[in-house]
C-alpha atoms as a PDB file:
ATOM      1  CA  MET A   1     -97.539 115.515  25.756  1.00  0.00           C
ATOM      2  CA  ASN A   2     -98.993 114.585  22.349  1.00  0.00           C
ATOM      3  CA  ARG A   3     -96.731 114.100  19.307  1.00  0.00           C
ATOM      4  CA  GLU A   4     -97.588 117.404  17.603  1.00  0.00           C
ATOM      5  CA  LYS A   5     -96.912 119.362  20.778  1.00  0.00           C
ATOM      6  CA  LEU A   6     -93.644 117.473  21.317  1.00  0.00           C
ATOM      7  CA  GLN A   7     -92.516 118.278  17.749  1.00  0.00           C
ATOM      8  CA  SER A   8     -93.445 121.912  18.265  1.00  0.00           C
ATOM      9  CA  VAL A   9     -91.472 122.174  21.527  1.00  0.00           C
ATOM     10  CA  ILE A  10     -88.409 120.448  20.048  1.00  0.00           C
ATOM     11  CA  GLU A  11     -88.553 122.692  16.981  1.00  0.00           C
ATOM     12  CA  GLY A  12     -88.765 125.790  19.203  1.00  0.00           C
ATOM     13  CA  VAL A  13     -85.868 124.659  21.387  1.00  0.00           C
ATOM     14  CA  LEU A  14     -83.629 123.866  18.406  1.00  0.00           C
ATOM     15  CA  PHE A  15     -84.491 127.188  16.745  1.00  0.00           C
ATOM     16  CA  THR A  16     -83.803 129.179  19.916  1.00  0.00           C
ATOM     17  CA  VAL A  17     -80.571 127.425  20.858  1.00  0.00           C
ATOM     18  CA  GLY A  18     -79.154 127.629  17.334  1.00  0.00           C
ATOM     19  CA  SER A  19     -76.636 124.853  17.939  1.00  0.00           C
ATOM     20  CA  ALA A  20     -76.777 121.090  18.394  1.00  0.00           C
ATOM     21  CA  VAL A  21     -78.754 119.755  21.372  1.00  0.00           C
ATOM     22  CA  GLU A  22     -78.392 116.282  22.879  1.00  0.00           C
ATOM     23  CA  LEU A  23     -81.369 113.948  22.543  1.00  0.00           C
ATOM     24  CA  LYS A  24     -81.114 113.209  26.259  1.00  0.00           C
ATOM     25  CA  LYS A  25     -81.411 116.940  26.999  1.00  0.00           C
ATOM     26  CA  LEU A  26     -84.473 117.233  24.726  1.00  0.00           C
ATOM     27  CA  ALA A  27     -86.099 114.318  26.576  1.00  0.00           C
ATOM     28  CA  GLU A  28     -85.301 115.991  29.886  1.00  0.00           C
ATOM     29  CA  ILE A  29     -86.689 119.372  28.781  1.00  0.00           C
ATOM     30  CA  THR A  30     -89.892 117.894  27.363  1.00  0.00           C
ATOM     31  CA  GLU A  31     -90.266 115.397  30.225  1.00  0.00           C
ATOM     32  CA  THR A  32     -90.663 112.527  27.755  1.00  0.00           C
ATOM     33  CA  GLU A  33     -88.784 109.368  26.881  1.00  0.00           C
ATOM     34  CA  GLU A  34     -85.854 109.488  24.435  1.00  0.00           C
ATOM     35  CA  ILE A  35     -87.725 107.140  22.082  1.00  0.00           C
ATOM     36  CA  ASP A  36     -90.550 109.698  21.829  1.00  0.00           C
ATOM     37  CA  VAL A  37     -87.986 112.397  21.065  1.00  0.00           C
ATOM     38  CA  GLU A  38     -86.515 110.135  18.346  1.00  0.00           C
ATOM     39  CA  PHE A  39     -89.947 109.763  16.709  1.00  0.00           C
ATOM     40  CA  ALA A  40     -90.567 113.524  16.908  1.00  0.00           C
ATOM     41  CA  ILE A  41     -87.178 114.229  15.323  1.00  0.00           C
ATOM     42  CA  GLU A  42     -87.852 111.792  12.473  1.00  0.00           C
ATOM     43  CA  ALA A  43     -91.204 113.507  11.847  1.00  0.00           C
ATOM     44  CA  LEU A  44     -89.523 116.928  11.821  1.00  0.00           C
ATOM     45  CA  LYS A  45     -86.816 115.617   9.494  1.00  0.00           C
ATOM     46  CA  GLU A  46     -89.468 114.454   7.016  1.00  0.00           C
ATOM     47  CA  LYS A  47     -91.253 117.797   7.303  1.00  0.00           C
ATOM     48  CA  TYR A  48     -88.059 119.704   6.453  1.00  0.00           C
ATOM     49  CA  GLU A  49     -87.167 117.441   3.527  1.00  0.00           C
ATOM     50  CA  ASP A  50     -90.023 119.059   1.596  1.00  0.00           C
ATOM     51  CA  GLU A  51     -88.573 121.202  -1.219  1.00  0.00           C
ATOM     52  CA  LYS A  52     -90.590 124.189   0.022  1.00  0.00           C
ATOM     53  CA  SER A  53     -88.700 124.284   3.324  1.00  0.00           C
ATOM     54  CA  GLY A  54     -85.467 126.231   3.637  1.00  0.00           C
ATOM     55  CA  ILE A  55     -84.547 124.388   6.820  1.00  0.00           C
ATOM     56  CA  SER A  56     -83.138 120.944   7.421  1.00  0.00           C
ATOM     57  CA  LEU A  57     -82.516 118.948  10.553  1.00  0.00           C
ATOM     58  CA  ILE A  58     -79.109 117.339  10.883  1.00  0.00           C
ATOM     59  CA  ARG A  59     -77.898 114.718  13.309  1.00  0.00           C
ATOM     60  CA  LEU A  60     -74.450 114.941  14.868  1.00  0.00           C
ATOM     61  CA  GLU A  61     -73.841 111.735  16.842  1.00  0.00           C
ATOM     62  CA  ASP A  62     -76.285 111.940  19.774  1.00  0.00           C
ATOM     63  CA  LYS A  63     -77.325 115.537  19.009  1.00  0.00           C
ATOM     64  CA  VAL A  64     -79.613 117.303  16.518  1.00  0.00           C
ATOM     65  CA  GLN A  65     -79.566 120.795  15.049  1.00  0.00           C
ATOM     66  CA  LEU A  66     -81.679 122.957  12.769  1.00  0.00           C
ATOM     67  CA  CYS A  67     -79.745 124.324   9.775  1.00  0.00           C
ATOM     68  CA  THR A  68     -80.503 126.091   6.550  1.00  0.00           C
ATOM     69  CA  LYS A  69     -80.340 123.944   3.434  1.00  0.00           C
ATOM     70  CA  PRO A  70     -76.961 124.070   1.639  1.00  0.00           C
ATOM     71  CA  GLU A  71     -78.548 125.092  -1.665  1.00  0.00           C
ATOM     72  CA  LEU A  72     -79.569 128.411  -0.063  1.00  0.00           C
ATOM     73  CA  TYR A  73     -75.981 129.438   0.676  1.00  0.00           C
ATOM     74  CA  ASP A  74     -75.755 131.956  -2.198  1.00  0.00           C
ATOM     75  CA  TYR A  75     -78.787 133.822  -0.862  1.00  0.00           C
ATOM     76  CA  LEU A  76     -77.722 133.691   2.771  1.00  0.00           C
ATOM     77  CA  VAL A  77     -74.282 135.221   2.244  1.00  0.00           C
ATOM     78  CA  LYS A  78     -75.941 138.287   0.746  1.00  0.00           C
ATOM     79  CA  ILE A  79     -77.504 139.099   4.111  1.00  0.00           C
ATOM     80  CA  ALA A  80     -75.327 137.346   6.644  1.00  0.00           C
ATOM     81  CA  LYS A  81     -71.682 137.875   7.369  1.00  0.00           C
ATOM     82  CA  ALA A  82     -69.694 135.604   5.080  1.00  0.00           C
ATOM     83  CA  PRO A  83     -68.765 132.437   6.917  1.00  0.00           C
ATOM     84  CA  ARG A  84     -65.221 132.198   8.124  1.00  0.00           C
ATOM     85  CA  SER A  85     -63.078 130.314   5.704  1.00  0.00           C
ATOM     86  CA  TYR A  86     -59.878 128.598   6.564  1.00  0.00           C
ATOM     87  CA  THR A  87     -57.121 126.940   4.652  1.00  0.00           C
ATOM     88  CA  LEU A  88     -56.016 123.494   5.665  1.00  0.00           C
ATOM     89  CA  THR A  89     -52.393 123.118   4.628  1.00  0.00           C
ATOM     90  CA  ASP A  90     -50.967 119.618   4.188  1.00  0.00           C
ATOM     91  CA  THR A  91     -49.428 119.837   7.665  1.00  0.00           C
ATOM     92  CA  VAL A  92     -52.677 120.947   9.311  1.00  0.00           C
ATOM     93  CA  LEU A  93     -54.707 118.359   7.379  1.00  0.00           C
ATOM     94  CA  GLU A  94     -52.269 115.593   8.331  1.00  0.00           C
ATOM     95  CA  THR A  95     -52.524 116.618  11.990  1.00  0.00           C
ATOM     96  CA  LEU A  96     -56.325 116.739  11.774  1.00  0.00           C
ATOM     97  CA  SER A  97     -56.372 113.237  10.281  1.00  0.00           C
ATOM     98  CA  ILE A  98     -54.279 111.891  13.138  1.00  0.00           C
ATOM     99  CA  ILE A  99     -56.551 113.515  15.715  1.00  0.00           C
ATOM    100  CA  ALA A 100     -59.731 112.300  13.979  1.00  0.00           C
ATOM    101  CA  TYR A 101     -58.572 108.681  13.813  1.00  0.00           C
ATOM    102  CA  LYS A 102     -56.632 108.438  17.094  1.00  0.00           C
ATOM    103  CA  GLN A 103     -58.735 110.619  19.423  1.00  0.00           C
ATOM    104  CA  PRO A 104     -58.410 111.302  22.246  1.00  0.00           C
ATOM    105  CA  VAL A 105     -54.737 112.013  21.552  1.00  0.00           C
ATOM    106  CA  THR A 106     -51.990 114.192  23.059  1.00  0.00           C
ATOM    107  CA  LYS A 107     -49.608 116.505  21.172  1.00  0.00           C
ATOM    108  CA  LEU A 108     -46.743 114.155  22.032  1.00  0.00           C
ATOM    109  CA  GLN A 109     -48.612 111.230  20.442  1.00  0.00           C
ATOM    110  CA  ILE A 110     -49.308 113.347  17.335  1.00  0.00           C
ATOM    111  CA  GLU A 111     -45.643 114.398  17.144  1.00  0.00           C
ATOM    112  CA  THR A 112     -44.513 110.783  17.541  1.00  0.00           C
ATOM    113  CA  ILE A 113     -46.624 109.824  14.525  1.00  0.00           C
ATOM    114  CA  ARG A 114     -45.637 112.861  12.434  1.00  0.00           C
ATOM    115  CA  GLY A 115     -42.010 112.973  13.530  1.00  0.00           C
ATOM    116  CA  VAL A 116     -42.059 116.789  13.910  1.00  0.00           C
ATOM    117  CA  SER A 117     -43.516 119.428  16.221  1.00  0.00           C
ATOM    118  CA  SER A 118     -47.251 119.874  15.843  1.00  0.00           C
ATOM    119  CA  ASP A 119     -47.866 122.931  18.032  1.00  0.00           C
ATOM    120  CA  HIS A 120     -48.729 125.261  15.148  1.00  0.00           C
ATOM    121  CA  ALA A 121     -51.026 122.759  13.416  1.00  0.00           C
ATOM    122  CA  VAL A 122     -52.903 121.868  16.613  1.00  0.00           C
ATOM    123  CA  ASN A 123     -53.290 125.554  17.530  1.00  0.00           C
ATOM    124  CA  LYS A 124     -54.696 126.315  14.044  1.00  0.00           C
ATOM    125  CA  LEU A 125     -57.180 123.440  14.323  1.00  0.00           C
ATOM    126  CA  VAL A 126     -58.341 124.697  17.733  1.00  0.00           C
ATOM    127  CA  GLU A 127     -58.644 128.233  16.277  1.00  0.00           C
ATOM    128  CA  TYR A 128     -60.735 126.860  13.379  1.00  0.00           C
ATOM    129  CA  ASP A 129     -62.935 125.003  15.916  1.00  0.00           C
ATOM    130  CA  LEU A 130     -62.236 121.670  14.215  1.00  0.00           C
ATOM    131  CA  VAL A 131     -60.427 120.335  17.301  1.00  0.00           C
ATOM    132  CA  LYS A 132     -60.949 120.907  21.019  1.00  0.00           C
ATOM    133  CA  GLU A 133     -59.439 119.941  24.335  1.00  0.00           C
ATOM    134  CA  LEU A 134     -61.176 116.864  25.759  1.00  0.00           C
ATOM    135  CA  GLY A 135     -59.462 116.858  29.129  1.00  0.00           C
ATOM    136  CA  ARG A 136     -56.130 115.664  30.429  1.00  0.00           C
ATOM    137  CA  LEU A 137     -54.360 112.323  30.338  1.00  0.00           C
ATOM    138  CA  ASP A 138     -53.800 110.733  33.724  1.00  0.00           C
ATOM    139  CA  ALA A 139     -50.023 110.569  33.290  1.00  0.00           C
ATOM    140  CA  PRO A 140     -46.999 112.596  34.426  1.00  0.00           C
ATOM    141  CA  GLY A 141     -47.437 116.216  33.391  1.00  0.00           C
ATOM    142  CA  HIS A 142     -51.143 115.612  32.679  1.00  0.00           C
ATOM    143  CA  PRO A 143     -50.912 116.392  28.936  1.00  0.00           C
ATOM    144  CA  ILE A 144     -53.981 117.774  27.165  1.00  0.00           C
ATOM    145  CA  LEU A 145     -56.088 115.319  25.152  1.00  0.00           C
ATOM    146  CA  PHE A 146     -57.452 116.541  21.820  1.00  0.00           C
ATOM    147  CA  GLY A 147     -60.434 115.387  19.769  1.00  0.00           C
ATOM    148  CA  THR A 148     -62.653 116.628  16.962  1.00  0.00           C
ATOM    149  CA  THR A 149     -65.648 118.955  17.360  1.00  0.00           C
ATOM    150  CA  GLU A 150     -69.178 119.174  15.987  1.00  0.00           C
ATOM    151  CA  GLU A 151     -67.808 121.738  13.515  1.00  0.00           C
ATOM    152  CA  PHE A 152     -65.447 119.027  12.215  1.00  0.00           C
ATOM    153  CA  LEU A 153     -68.441 116.748  11.581  1.00  0.00           C
ATOM    154  CA  ARG A 154     -70.300 119.558   9.787  1.00  0.00           C
ATOM    155  CA  ALA A 155     -67.282 120.609   7.728  1.00  0.00           C
ATOM    156  CA  PHE A 156     -66.598 117.074   6.520  1.00  0.00           C
ATOM    157  CA  GLY A 157     -70.255 116.115   6.056  1.00  0.00           C
ATOM    158  CA  VAL A 158     -70.380 113.193   8.469  1.00  0.00           C
ATOM    159  CA  ASN A 159     -72.806 112.540  11.284  1.00  0.00           C
ATOM    160  CA  SER A 160     -70.295 110.786  13.530  1.00  0.00           C
ATOM    161  CA  ILE A 161     -66.668 109.716  13.687  1.00  0.00           C
ATOM    162  CA  GLU A 162     -67.749 106.169  12.811  1.00  0.00           C
ATOM    163  CA  GLU A 163     -68.651 107.422   9.310  1.00  0.00           C
ATOM    164  CA  LEU A 164     -65.055 108.390   8.509  1.00  0.00           C
ATOM    165  CA  PRO A 165     -63.553 106.212   5.770  1.00  0.00           C
ATOM    166  CA  GLU A 166     -61.556 103.242   6.988  1.00  0.00           C
ATOM    167  CA  VAL A 167     -57.793 103.501   6.777  1.00  0.00           C
ATOM    168  CA  ASN A 168     -56.297 101.189   4.173  1.00  0.00           C
ATOM    169  CA  MET A 169     -53.281  99.749   6.017  1.00  0.00           C
ATOM    170  CA  GLU A 170     -51.616  98.588   2.767  1.00  0.00           C
ATOM    171  CA  LYS A 171     -51.632 102.175   1.481  1.00  0.00           C
ATOM    172  CA  VAL A 172     -50.376 103.471   4.827  1.00  0.00           C
ATOM    173  CA  GLU A 173     -47.428 101.072   4.681  1.00  0.00           C
ATOM    174  CA  SER A 174     -46.756 102.071   1.060  1.00  0.00           C
ATOM    175  CA  PHE A 175     -46.803 105.786   2.026  1.00  0.00           C
ATOM    176  CA  ARG A 176     -44.483 105.082   4.963  1.00  0.00           C
ATOM    177  CA  GLU A 177     -41.981 103.263   2.733  1.00  0.00           C
ATOM    178  CA  GLN A 178     -42.148 106.053   0.142  1.00  0.00           C
ATOM    179  CA  ALA A 179     -41.577 108.706   2.840  1.00  0.00           C
ATOM    180  CA  GLU A 180     -38.561 106.786   4.184  1.00  0.00           C
ATOM    181  CA  VAL A 181     -37.042 106.561   0.678  1.00  0.00           C
ATOM    182  CA  GLU A 182     -37.585 110.299   0.133  1.00  0.00           C
ATOM    183  CA  ALA A 183     -36.047 111.114   3.531  1.00  0.00           C
ATOM    184  CA  ASP A 184     -33.009 108.943   2.745  1.00  0.00           C
ATOM    185  CA  GLU A 185     -32.623 110.651  -0.658  1.00  0.00           C
ATOM    186  CA  ARG A 186     -32.837 114.120   0.931  1.00  0.00           C
ATOM    187  CA  LEU A 187     -30.267 113.161   3.548  1.00  0.00           C
ATOM    188  CA  ALA A 188     -27.927 111.815   0.842  1.00  0.00           C
ATOM    189  CA  ASP A 189     -28.361 115.043  -1.186  1.00  0.00           C
ATOM    190  CA  GLU A 190     -27.602 117.180   1.883  1.00  0.00           C
ATOM    191  CA  LYS A 191     -24.468 115.178   2.645  1.00  0.00           C
ATOM    192  CA  LEU A 192     -23.382 115.494  -1.001  1.00  0.00           C
ATOM    193  CA  ASN A 193     -23.948 119.271  -0.959  1.00  0.00           C
ATOM    194  CA  LEU A 194     -21.981 119.599   2.294  1.00  0.00           C
ATOM    195  CA  GLY A 195     -19.158 117.442   0.941  1.00  0.00           C
ATOM    196  CA  VAL A 196     -19.513 114.895   3.732  1.00  0.00           C
END
């Protein structure tokens, strides 16, 4: 299959599917090598970077997807149903951070890090499609393993988990010490109020 035909087929597949498609799957469908698919995708990416195009091609780890350009959002919401918005409270955001950096992770592991129950936060993240079940841990009870989704990558503007900012361990330790001081102060205040 020549390059123009390959680009055309990939473009048609991505348009029809409407979600991210693995490069391996595109190679399988087109009966070509993955390297040829890579070249075709780069050519399509360049084509869509033209200011006249309303479409862009994004890469999500080992997958690609056709999307409308972000600057067209104001026009699109006039015709399409407004995209679902969600609020990430501090608790939900903290839980999401743990999952993003520790994945795959169980609820028990999340709760051990947070020190409190995380059922509500994890359920909200699954509802928002930012987190999904990845399978089960081979351990007693076979707890569910959680990890981030493609929607997480889109929402936070990264192509893969490797692009997440690195955790500054000095700041983490500082936050931990500050949290311990605050917890001790709260406990002392509670004891004082109870007359203990």
